[in-house]
Amino acid sequence: MKCVPEKIAAEITKRIKVPVISIGSGSGCDGQFLFAEDMLGIEMNPPRHAKKYRSFYDETLLVFKEFKKDSEEAVFPTENKIIKISDQEFEQFMDGVDSLS
């Protein structure tokens, strides 16, 4: 049930045999459902029945700012994060590139 008044949802849940899942209809149902987007704070205008547990948006913004700073200050990538190639393989690559022109 989505956004059914709490008392009505609870009464219906008592009277029927199938499980009733609540989306904003209170804890009188057999189960609760909340969208991950709302719990993580991704939805900028969540419905009034939603609860934000963390701000994934704020955390994501901080991650990108940190990455930008590390990139600008040449702190990232570190030597162990860079893909290497042997001199011989690089020469073969360059021979192939040179043959294209």
PDB file of N, CA and C in Angstrom:
ATOM      1  N   MET A   1       0.840  -1.170   0.000  1.00  0.00           N
ATOM      2  CA  MET A   1       0.000   0.000   0.000  1.00  0.00           C
ATOM      3  C   MET A   1       0.885   1.233   0.000  1.00  0.00           C
ATOM      4  N   LYS A   2       0.558   2.131  -0.869  1.00  0.00           N
ATOM      5  CA  LYS A   2       1.349   3.352  -0.941  1.00  0.00           C
ATOM      6  C   LYS A   2       0.508   4.527  -0.473  1.00  0.00           C
ATOM      7  N   CYS A   3       0.967   5.152   0.599  1.00  0.00           N
ATOM      8  CA  CYS A   3       0.366   6.383   1.128  1.00  0.00           C
ATOM      9  C   CYS A   3      -1.110   6.224   1.487  1.00  0.00           C
ATOM     10  N   VAL A   4      -1.468   5.044   1.947  1.00  0.00           N
ATOM     11  CA  VAL A   4      -2.805   4.819   2.489  1.00  0.00           C
ATOM     12  C   VAL A   4      -2.734   5.238   3.953  1.00  0.00           C
ATOM     13  N   PRO A   5      -3.728   5.912   4.481  1.00  0.00           N
ATOM     14  CA  PRO A   5      -3.664   6.303   5.889  1.00  0.00           C
ATOM     15  C   PRO A   5      -3.351   5.106   6.791  1.00  0.00           C
ATOM     16  N   GLU A   6      -2.538   5.348   7.792  1.00  0.00           N
ATOM     17  CA  GLU A   6      -2.011   4.300   8.668  1.00  0.00           C
ATOM     18  C   GLU A   6      -3.096   3.392   9.254  1.00  0.00           C
ATOM     19  N   LYS A   7      -4.153   3.970   9.783  1.00  0.00           N
ATOM     20  CA  LYS A   7      -5.207   3.163  10.410  1.00  0.00           C
ATOM     21  C   LYS A   7      -5.910   2.261   9.399  1.00  0.00           C
ATOM     22  N   ILE A   8      -6.130   2.789   8.209  1.00  0.00           N
ATOM     23  CA  ILE A   8      -6.788   1.996   7.161  1.00  0.00           C
ATOM     24  C   ILE A   8      -5.872   0.871   6.711  1.00  0.00           C
ATOM     25  N   ALA A   9      -4.596   1.171   6.497  1.00  0.00           N
ATOM     26  CA  ALA A   9      -3.639   0.141   6.073  1.00  0.00           C
ATOM     27  C   ALA A   9      -3.550  -0.973   7.109  1.00  0.00           C
ATOM     28  N   ALA A  10      -3.506  -0.616   8.383  1.00  0.00           N
ATOM     29  CA  ALA A  10      -3.429  -1.617   9.452  1.00  0.00           C
ATOM     30  C   ALA A  10      -4.685  -2.478   9.487  1.00  0.00           C
ATOM     31  N   GLU A  11      -5.826  -1.867   9.302  1.00  0.00           N
ATOM     32  CA  GLU A  11      -7.091  -2.612   9.329  1.00  0.00           C
ATOM     33  C   GLU A  11      -7.188  -3.577   8.154  1.00  0.00           C
ATOM     34  N   ILE A  12      -6.808  -3.115   6.974  1.00  0.00           N
ATOM     35  CA  ILE A  12      -6.818  -3.988   5.796  1.00  0.00           C
ATOM     36  C   ILE A  12      -5.849  -5.149   6.004  1.00  0.00           C
ATOM     37  N   THR A  13      -4.671  -4.853   6.537  1.00  0.00           N
ATOM     38  CA  THR A  13      -3.658  -5.889   6.777  1.00  0.00           C
ATOM     39  C   THR A  13      -4.198  -6.962   7.720  1.00  0.00           C
ATOM     40  N   LYS A  14      -4.937  -6.575   8.745  1.00  0.00           N
ATOM     41  CA  LYS A  14      -5.520  -7.546   9.693  1.00  0.00           C
ATOM     42  C   LYS A  14      -6.546  -8.443   9.015  1.00  0.00           C
ATOM     43  N   ARG A  15      -7.232  -7.929   8.015  1.00  0.00           N
ATOM     44  CA  ARG A  15      -8.382  -8.639   7.435  1.00  0.00           C
ATOM     45  C   ARG A  15      -8.060  -9.513   6.226  1.00  0.00           C
ATOM     46  N   ILE A  16      -6.903  -9.342   5.632  1.00  0.00           N
ATOM     47  CA  ILE A  16      -6.590 -10.156   4.450  1.00  0.00           C
ATOM     48  C   ILE A  16      -5.430 -11.095   4.744  1.00  0.00           C
ATOM     49  N   LYS A  17      -5.341 -12.163   3.953  1.00  0.00           N
ATOM     50  CA  LYS A  17      -4.337 -13.199   4.218  1.00  0.00           C
ATOM     51  C   LYS A  17      -3.033 -12.997   3.462  1.00  0.00           C
ATOM     52  N   VAL A  18      -3.024 -12.161   2.437  1.00  0.00           N
ATOM     53  CA  VAL A  18      -1.792 -11.928   1.686  1.00  0.00           C
ATOM     54  C   VAL A  18      -0.965 -10.876   2.399  1.00  0.00           C
ATOM     55  N   PRO A  19       0.355 -10.983   2.309  1.00  0.00           N
ATOM     56  CA  PRO A  19       1.203  -9.966   2.955  1.00  0.00           C
ATOM     57  C   PRO A  19       0.976  -8.578   2.350  1.00  0.00           C
ATOM     58  N   VAL A  20       0.956  -7.592   3.203  1.00  0.00           N
ATOM     59  CA  VAL A  20       0.766  -6.210   2.775  1.00  0.00           C
ATOM     60  C   VAL A  20       2.045  -5.438   3.083  1.00  0.00           C
ATOM     61  N   ILE A  21       2.593  -4.817   2.074  1.00  0.00           N
ATOM     62  CA  ILE A  21       3.820  -4.040   2.213  1.00  0.00           C
ATOM     63  C   ILE A  21       3.450  -2.566   2.205  1.00  0.00           C
ATOM     64  N   SER A  22       4.025  -1.829   3.129  1.00  0.00           N
ATOM     65  CA  SER A  22       3.723  -0.413   3.285  1.00  0.00           C
ATOM     66  C   SER A  22       4.790   0.457   2.629  1.00  0.00           C
ATOM     67  N   ILE A  23       4.306   1.442   1.876  1.00  0.00           N
ATOM     68  CA  ILE A  23       5.161   2.523   1.397  1.00  0.00           C
ATOM     69  C   ILE A  23       4.506   3.797   1.919  1.00  0.00           C
ATOM     70  N   GLY A  24       4.929   4.205   3.098  1.00  0.00           N
ATOM     71  CA  GLY A  24       4.367   5.402   3.703  1.00  0.00           C
ATOM     72  C   GLY A  24       3.024   5.197   4.381  1.00  0.00           C
ATOM     73  N   SER A  25       2.654   3.933   4.622  1.00  0.00           N
ATOM     74  CA  SER A  25       1.351   3.653   5.232  1.00  0.00           C
ATOM     75  C   SER A  25       1.463   3.148   6.662  1.00  0.00           C
ATOM     76  N   GLY A  26       2.602   3.296   7.271  1.00  0.00           N
ATOM     77  CA  GLY A  26       2.752   2.944   8.676  1.00  0.00           C
ATOM     78  C   GLY A  26       3.236   1.532   8.922  1.00  0.00           C
ATOM     79  N   SER A  27       3.480   1.247  10.187  1.00  0.00           N
ATOM     80  CA  SER A  27       4.066  -0.039  10.581  1.00  0.00           C
ATOM     81  C   SER A  27       3.017  -1.114  10.855  1.00  0.00           C
ATOM     82  N   GLY A  28       1.748  -0.821  10.625  1.00  0.00           N
ATOM     83  CA  GLY A  28       0.702  -1.807  10.834  1.00  0.00           C
ATOM     84  C   GLY A  28       0.596  -2.819   9.714  1.00  0.00           C
ATOM     85  N   CYS A  29       1.413  -2.675   8.675  1.00  0.00           N
ATOM     86  CA  CYS A  29       1.438  -3.632   7.565  1.00  0.00           C
ATOM     87  C   CYS A  29       2.453  -4.730   7.871  1.00  0.00           C
ATOM     88  N   ASP A  30       2.500  -5.724   7.014  1.00  0.00           N
ATOM     89  CA  ASP A  30       3.400  -6.855   7.234  1.00  0.00           C
ATOM     90  C   ASP A  30       4.859  -6.517   6.958  1.00  0.00           C
ATOM     91  N   GLY A  31       5.101  -5.530   6.163  1.00  0.00           N
ATOM     92  CA  GLY A  31       6.470  -5.149   5.839  1.00  0.00           C
ATOM     93  C   GLY A  31       6.537  -3.695   5.416  1.00  0.00           C
ATOM     94  N   GLN A  32       7.753  -3.187   5.371  1.00  0.00           N
ATOM     95  CA  GLN A  32       7.979  -1.796   4.983  1.00  0.00           C
ATOM     96  C   GLN A  32       8.854  -1.768   3.734  1.00  0.00           C
ATOM     97  N   PHE A  33       8.631  -0.793   2.891  1.00  0.00           N
ATOM     98  CA  PHE A  33       9.457  -0.605   1.705  1.00  0.00           C
ATOM     99  C   PHE A  33       9.884   0.847   1.652  1.00  0.00           C
ATOM    100  N   LEU A  34      11.148   1.054   1.336  1.00  0.00           N
ATOM    101  CA  LEU A  34      11.670   2.403   1.152  1.00  0.00           C
ATOM    102  C   LEU A  34      12.672   2.350   0.011  1.00  0.00           C
ATOM    103  N   PHE A  35      12.540   3.236  -0.941  1.00  0.00           N
ATOM    104  CA  PHE A  35      13.435   3.251  -2.084  1.00  0.00           C
ATOM    105  C   PHE A  35      14.855   3.606  -1.662  1.00  0.00           C
ATOM    106  N   ALA A  36      15.823   2.921  -2.241  1.00  0.00           N
ATOM    107  CA  ALA A  36      17.233   3.174  -1.930  1.00  0.00           C
ATOM    108  C   ALA A  36      17.602   4.627  -2.219  1.00  0.00           C
ATOM    109  N   GLU A  37      17.043   5.185  -3.281  1.00  0.00           N
ATOM    110  CA  GLU A  37      17.342   6.573  -3.637  1.00  0.00           C
ATOM    111  C   GLU A  37      16.971   7.529  -2.507  1.00  0.00           C
ATOM    112  N   ASP A  38      15.882   7.223  -1.820  1.00  0.00           N
ATOM    113  CA  ASP A  38      15.450   8.062  -0.712  1.00  0.00           C
ATOM    114  C   ASP A  38      16.336   7.853   0.513  1.00  0.00           C
ATOM    115  N   MET A  39      16.675   6.598   0.820  1.00  0.00           N
ATOM    116  CA  MET A  39      17.510   6.310   1.985  1.00  0.00           C
ATOM    117  C   MET A  39      18.904   6.910   1.840  1.00  0.00           C
ATOM    118  N   LEU A  40      19.415   6.933   0.608  1.00  0.00           N
ATOM    119  CA  LEU A  40      20.776   7.409   0.359  1.00  0.00           C
ATOM    120  C   LEU A  40      20.847   8.909   0.078  1.00  0.00           C
ATOM    121  N   GLY A  41      19.718   9.572   0.060  1.00  0.00           N
ATOM    122  CA  GLY A  41      19.726  11.010  -0.172  1.00  0.00           C
ATOM    123  C   GLY A  41      20.018  11.385  -1.613  1.00  0.00           C
ATOM    124  N   ILE A  42      19.774  10.469  -2.541  1.00  0.00           N
ATOM    125  CA  ILE A  42      20.011  10.755  -3.955  1.00  0.00           C
ATOM    126  C   ILE A  42      18.874  11.598  -4.513  1.00  0.00           C
ATOM    127  N   GLU A  43      17.677  11.287  -4.097  1.00  0.00           N
ATOM    128  CA  GLU A  43      16.493  12.015  -4.554  1.00  0.00           C
ATOM    129  C   GLU A  43      16.494  13.402  -3.919  1.00  0.00           C
ATOM    130  N   MET A  44      16.526  14.430  -4.742  1.00  0.00           N
ATOM    131  CA  MET A  44      16.615  15.796  -4.226  1.00  0.00           C
ATOM    132  C   MET A  44      15.312  16.254  -3.568  1.00  0.00           C
ATOM    133  N   ASN A  45      14.170  15.740  -4.024  1.00  0.00           N
ATOM    134  CA  ASN A  45      12.870  16.087  -3.444  1.00  0.00           C
ATOM    135  C   ASN A  45      12.134  14.803  -3.068  1.00  0.00           C
ATOM    136  N   PRO A  46      12.588  14.144  -1.999  1.00  0.00           N
ATOM    137  CA  PRO A  46      11.955  12.871  -1.638  1.00  0.00           C
ATOM    138  C   PRO A  46      10.532  13.078  -1.137  1.00  0.00           C
ATOM    139  N   PRO A  47       9.690  12.063  -1.260  1.00  0.00           N
ATOM    140  CA  PRO A  47       8.332  12.186  -0.731  1.00  0.00           C
ATOM    141  C   PRO A  47       8.362  12.321   0.790  1.00  0.00           C
ATOM    142  N   ARG A  48       7.323  12.859   1.355  1.00  0.00           N
ATOM    143  CA  ARG A  48       7.318  13.143   2.797  1.00  0.00           C
ATOM    144  C   ARG A  48       7.402  11.891   3.651  1.00  0.00           C
ATOM    145  N   HIS A  49       7.010  10.743   3.101  1.00  0.00           N
ATOM    146  CA  HIS A  49       7.062   9.510   3.888  1.00  0.00           C
ATOM    147  C   HIS A  49       8.432   8.838   3.846  1.00  0.00           C
ATOM    148  N   ALA A  50       9.360   9.370   3.067  1.00  0.00           N
ATOM    149  CA  ALA A  50      10.685   8.771   2.941  1.00  0.00           C
ATOM    150  C   ALA A  50      11.600   9.233   4.070  1.00  0.00           C
ATOM    151  N   LYS A  51      12.582   8.407   4.374  1.00  0.00           N
ATOM    152  CA  LYS A  51      13.579   8.768   5.388  1.00  0.00           C
ATOM    153  C   LYS A  51      14.963   8.671   4.775  1.00  0.00           C
ATOM    154  N   LYS A  52      15.718   9.754   4.890  1.00  0.00           N
ATOM    155  CA  LYS A  52      17.090   9.774   4.388  1.00  0.00           C
ATOM    156  C   LYS A  52      18.009   9.370   5.541  1.00  0.00           C
ATOM    157  N   TYR A  53      18.736   8.265   5.355  1.00  0.00           N
ATOM    158  CA  TYR A  53      19.663   7.784   6.372  1.00  0.00           C
ATOM    159  C   TYR A  53      21.052   8.384   6.204  1.00  0.00           C
ATOM    160  N   ARG A  54      21.467   8.579   4.989  1.00  0.00           N
ATOM    161  CA  ARG A  54      22.759   9.187   4.682  1.00  0.00           C
ATOM    162  C   ARG A  54      22.579  10.078   3.456  1.00  0.00           C
ATOM    163  N   SER A  55      23.560  10.953   3.228  1.00  0.00           N
ATOM    164  CA  SER A  55      23.512  11.787   2.045  1.00  0.00           C
ATOM    165  C   SER A  55      24.552  11.292   1.050  1.00  0.00           C
ATOM    166  N   PHE A  56      24.131  10.354   0.227  1.00  0.00           N
ATOM    167  CA  PHE A  56      25.004   9.824  -0.808  1.00  0.00           C
ATOM    168  C   PHE A  56      25.434  10.939  -1.753  1.00  0.00           C
ATOM    169  N   TYR A  57      24.542  11.877  -2.014  1.00  0.00           N
ATOM    170  CA  TYR A  57      24.856  13.005  -2.889  1.00  0.00           C
ATOM    171  C   TYR A  57      26.027  13.799  -2.314  1.00  0.00           C
ATOM    172  N   ASP A  58      25.946  14.140  -1.022  1.00  0.00           N
ATOM    173  CA  ASP A  58      27.021  14.913  -0.391  1.00  0.00           C
ATOM    174  C   ASP A  58      28.335  14.138  -0.397  1.00  0.00           C
ATOM    175  N   GLU A  59      28.263  12.850  -0.089  1.00  0.00           N
ATOM    176  CA  GLU A  59      29.474  12.015  -0.095  1.00  0.00           C
ATOM    177  C   GLU A  59      30.076  11.934  -1.494  1.00  0.00           C
ATOM    178  N   THR A  60      29.221  11.777  -2.495  1.00  0.00           N
ATOM    179  CA  THR A  60      29.691  11.701  -3.880  1.00  0.00           C
ATOM    180  C   THR A  60      30.365  13.002  -4.282  1.00  0.00           C
ATOM    181  N   LEU A  61      29.783  14.110  -3.905  1.00  0.00           N
ATOM    182  CA  LEU A  61      30.369  15.418  -4.208  1.00  0.00           C
ATOM    183  C   LEU A  61      31.750  15.543  -3.570  1.00  0.00           C
ATOM    184  N   LEU A  62      31.882  15.103  -2.318  1.00  0.00           N
ATOM    185  CA  LEU A  62      33.183  15.148  -1.643  1.00  0.00           C
ATOM    186  C   LEU A  62      34.213  14.275  -2.348  1.00  0.00           C
ATOM    187  N   VAL A  63      33.794  13.107  -2.808  1.00  0.00           N
ATOM    188  CA  VAL A  63      34.703  12.204  -3.523  1.00  0.00           C
ATOM    189  C   VAL A  63      35.238  12.871  -4.785  1.00  0.00           C
ATOM    190  N   PHE A  64      34.357  13.484  -5.561  1.00  0.00           N
ATOM    191  CA  PHE A  64      34.801  14.117  -6.801  1.00  0.00           C
ATOM    192  C   PHE A  64      35.694  15.327  -6.540  1.00  0.00           C
ATOM    193  N   LYS A  65      35.397  16.083  -5.497  1.00  0.00           N
ATOM    194  CA  LYS A  65      36.262  17.210  -5.140  1.00  0.00           C
ATOM    195  C   LYS A  65      37.650  16.728  -4.733  1.00  0.00           C
ATOM    196  N   GLU A  66      37.698  15.642  -3.965  1.00  0.00           N
ATOM    197  CA  GLU A  66      38.978  15.083  -3.540  1.00  0.00           C
ATOM    198  C   GLU A  66      39.775  14.564  -4.738  1.00  0.00           C
ATOM    199  N   PHE A  67      39.080  13.884  -5.652  1.00  0.00           N
ATOM    200  CA  PHE A  67      39.734  13.389  -6.864  1.00  0.00           C
ATOM    201  C   PHE A  67      40.297  14.547  -7.694  1.00  0.00           C
ATOM    202  N   LYS A  68      39.510  15.605  -7.844  1.00  0.00           N
ATOM    203  CA  LYS A  68      39.954  16.783  -8.609  1.00  0.00           C
ATOM    204  C   LYS A  68      41.212  17.380  -7.974  1.00  0.00           C
ATOM    205  N   LYS A  69      41.203  17.523  -6.661  1.00  0.00           N
ATOM    206  CA  LYS A  69      42.345  18.081  -5.946  1.00  0.00           C
ATOM    207  C   LYS A  69      43.579  17.198  -6.130  1.00  0.00           C
ATOM    208  N   ASP A  70      43.423  15.881  -5.943  1.00  0.00           N
ATOM    209  CA  ASP A  70      44.546  14.954  -6.121  1.00  0.00           C
ATOM    210  C   ASP A  70      45.100  15.010  -7.539  1.00  0.00           C
ATOM    211  N   SER A  71      44.209  15.127  -8.513  1.00  0.00           N
ATOM    212  CA  SER A  71      44.643  15.196  -9.910  1.00  0.00           C
ATOM    213  C   SER A  71      45.390  16.494 -10.192  1.00  0.00           C
ATOM    214  N   GLU A  72      44.859  17.601  -9.706  1.00  0.00           N
ATOM    215  CA  GLU A  72      45.496  18.897  -9.931  1.00  0.00           C
ATOM    216  C   GLU A  72      46.850  18.994  -9.234  1.00  0.00           C
ATOM    217  N   GLU A  73      46.973  18.380  -8.070  1.00  0.00           N
ATOM    218  CA  GLU A  73      48.227  18.420  -7.321  1.00  0.00           C
ATOM    219  C   GLU A  73      49.168  17.273  -7.699  1.00  0.00           C
ATOM    220  N   ALA A  74      48.785  16.495  -8.697  1.00  0.00           N
ATOM    221  CA  ALA A  74      49.576  15.353  -9.193  1.00  0.00           C
ATOM    222  C   ALA A  74      49.872  14.329  -8.089  1.00  0.00           C
ATOM    223  N   VAL A  75      48.944  14.212  -7.147  1.00  0.00           N
ATOM    224  CA  VAL A  75      49.060  13.195  -6.097  1.00  0.00           C
ATOM    225  C   VAL A  75      48.507  11.867  -6.619  1.00  0.00           C
ATOM    226  N   PHE A  76      47.608  11.960  -7.579  1.00  0.00           N
ATOM    227  CA  PHE A  76      47.038  10.781  -8.233  1.00  0.00           C
ATOM    228  C   PHE A  76      47.195  10.957  -9.723  1.00  0.00           C
ATOM    229  N   PRO A  77      47.555   9.958 -10.457  1.00  0.00           N
ATOM    230  CA  PRO A  77      47.774   8.585 -10.013  1.00  0.00           C
ATOM    231  C   PRO A  77      49.180   8.378  -9.463  1.00  0.00           C
ATOM    232  N   THR A  78      49.275   7.498  -8.505  1.00  0.00           N
ATOM    233  CA  THR A  78      50.585   7.127  -7.981  1.00  0.00           C
ATOM    234  C   THR A  78      51.206   6.087  -8.899  1.00  0.00           C
ATOM    235  N   GLU A  79      52.478   5.885  -8.746  1.00  0.00           N
ATOM    236  CA  GLU A  79      53.233   4.978  -9.617  1.00  0.00           C
ATOM    237  C   GLU A  79      52.607   3.582  -9.677  1.00  0.00           C
ATOM    238  N   ASN A  80      52.098   3.094  -8.570  1.00  0.00           N
ATOM    239  CA  ASN A  80      51.526   1.739  -8.551  1.00  0.00           C
ATOM    240  C   ASN A  80      50.128   1.666  -9.166  1.00  0.00           C
ATOM    241  N   LYS A  81      49.566   2.791  -9.591  1.00  0.00           N
ATOM    242  CA  LYS A  81      48.240   2.814 -10.222  1.00  0.00           C
ATOM    243  C   LYS A  81      48.317   3.025 -11.736  1.00  0.00           C
ATOM    244  N   ILE A  82      49.536   3.188 -12.261  1.00  0.00           N
ATOM    245  CA  ILE A  82      49.724   3.471 -13.684  1.00  0.00           C
ATOM    246  C   ILE A  82      50.060   2.187 -14.422  1.00  0.00           C
ATOM    247  N   ILE A  83      49.448   2.003 -15.584  1.00  0.00           N
ATOM    248  CA  ILE A  83      49.706   0.827 -16.417  1.00  0.00           C
ATOM    249  C   ILE A  83      51.011   1.058 -17.172  1.00  0.00           C
ATOM    250  N   LYS A  84      51.909   0.106 -17.056  1.00  0.00           N
ATOM    251  CA  LYS A  84      53.236   0.219 -17.681  1.00  0.00           C
ATOM    252  C   LYS A  84      53.305  -0.642 -18.941  1.00  0.00           C
ATOM    253  N   ILE A  85      54.306  -0.355 -19.752  1.00  0.00           N
ATOM    254  CA  ILE A  85      54.581  -1.143 -20.958  1.00  0.00           C
ATOM    255  C   ILE A  85      56.100  -1.262 -21.086  1.00  0.00           C
ATOM    256  N   SER A  86      56.540  -2.400 -21.559  1.00  0.00           N
ATOM    257  CA  SER A  86      57.990  -2.574 -21.724  1.00  0.00           C
ATOM    258  C   SER A  86      58.466  -1.728 -22.899  1.00  0.00           C
ATOM    259  N   ASP A  87      59.744  -1.429 -22.907  1.00  0.00           N
ATOM    260  CA  ASP A  87      60.320  -0.638 -23.998  1.00  0.00           C
ATOM    261  C   ASP A  87      60.126  -1.340 -25.330  1.00  0.00           C
ATOM    262  N   GLN A  88      60.278  -2.655 -25.331  1.00  0.00           N
ATOM    263  CA  GLN A  88      60.126  -3.426 -26.566  1.00  0.00           C
ATOM    264  C   GLN A  88      58.688  -3.331 -27.097  1.00  0.00           C
ATOM    265  N   GLU A  89      57.721  -3.484 -26.212  1.00  0.00           N
ATOM    266  CA  GLU A  89      56.326  -3.376 -26.637  1.00  0.00           C
ATOM    267  C   GLU A  89      56.013  -1.966 -27.138  1.00  0.00           C
ATOM    268  N   PHE A  90      56.580  -0.960 -26.494  1.00  0.00           N
ATOM    269  CA  PHE A  90      56.360   0.413 -26.922  1.00  0.00           C
ATOM    270  C   PHE A  90      56.955   0.656 -28.300  1.00  0.00           C
ATOM    271  N   GLU A  91      58.127   0.101 -28.547  1.00  0.00           N
ATOM    272  CA  GLU A  91      58.754   0.226 -29.871  1.00  0.00           C
ATOM    273  C   GLU A  91      57.875  -0.416 -30.935  1.00  0.00           C
ATOM    274  N   GLN A  92      57.313  -1.581 -30.622  1.00  0.00           N
ATOM    275  CA  GLN A  92      56.418  -2.248 -31.579  1.00  0.00           C
ATOM    276  C   GLN A  92      55.178  -1.386 -31.847  1.00  0.00           C
ATOM    277  N   PHE A  93      54.675  -0.784 -30.791  1.00  0.00           N
ATOM    278  CA  PHE A  93      53.513   0.115 -30.947  1.00  0.00           C
ATOM    279  C   PHE A  93      53.879   1.290 -31.870  1.00  0.00           C
ATOM    280  N   MET A  94      55.041   1.896 -31.614  1.00  0.00           N
ATOM    281  CA  MET A  94      55.458   3.053 -32.404  1.00  0.00           C
ATOM    282  C   MET A  94      55.716   2.666 -33.854  1.00  0.00           C
ATOM    283  N   ASP A  95      56.280   1.486 -34.082  1.00  0.00           N
ATOM    284  CA  ASP A  95      56.474   1.019 -35.455  1.00  0.00           C
ATOM    285  C   ASP A  95      55.141   0.912 -36.166  1.00  0.00           C
ATOM    286  N   GLY A  96      54.146   0.408 -35.462  1.00  0.00           N
ATOM    287  CA  GLY A  96      52.794   0.295 -36.033  1.00  0.00           C
ATOM    288  C   GLY A  96      52.193   1.662 -36.316  1.00  0.00           C
ATOM    289  N   VAL A  97      52.367   2.607 -35.398  1.00  0.00           N
ATOM    290  CA  VAL A  97      51.848   3.964 -35.580  1.00  0.00           C
ATOM    291  C   VAL A  97      52.544   4.630 -36.759  1.00  0.00           C
ATOM    292  N   ASP A  98      53.870   4.487 -36.822  1.00  0.00           N
ATOM    293  CA  ASP A  98      54.628   5.108 -37.909  1.00  0.00           C
ATOM    294  C   ASP A  98      54.239   4.549 -39.266  1.00  0.00           C
ATOM    295  N   SER A  99      53.847   3.270 -39.306  1.00  0.00           N
ATOM    296  CA  SER A  99      53.472   2.647 -40.582  1.00  0.00           C
ATOM    297  C   SER A  99      52.135   3.165 -41.098  1.00  0.00           C
ATOM    298  N   LEU A 100      51.362   3.820 -40.257  1.00  0.00           N
ATOM    299  CA  LEU A 100      50.075   4.356 -40.664  1.00  0.00           C
ATOM    300  C   LEU A 100      50.199   5.647 -41.478  1.00  0.00           C
ATOM    301  N   SER A 101      51.333   6.329 -41.345  1.00  0.00           N
ATOM    302  CA  SER A 101      51.452   7.611 -42.051  1.00  0.00           C
ATOM    303  C   SER A 101      52.288   7.509 -43.297  1.00  0.00           C
TER     304      SER A 101
END
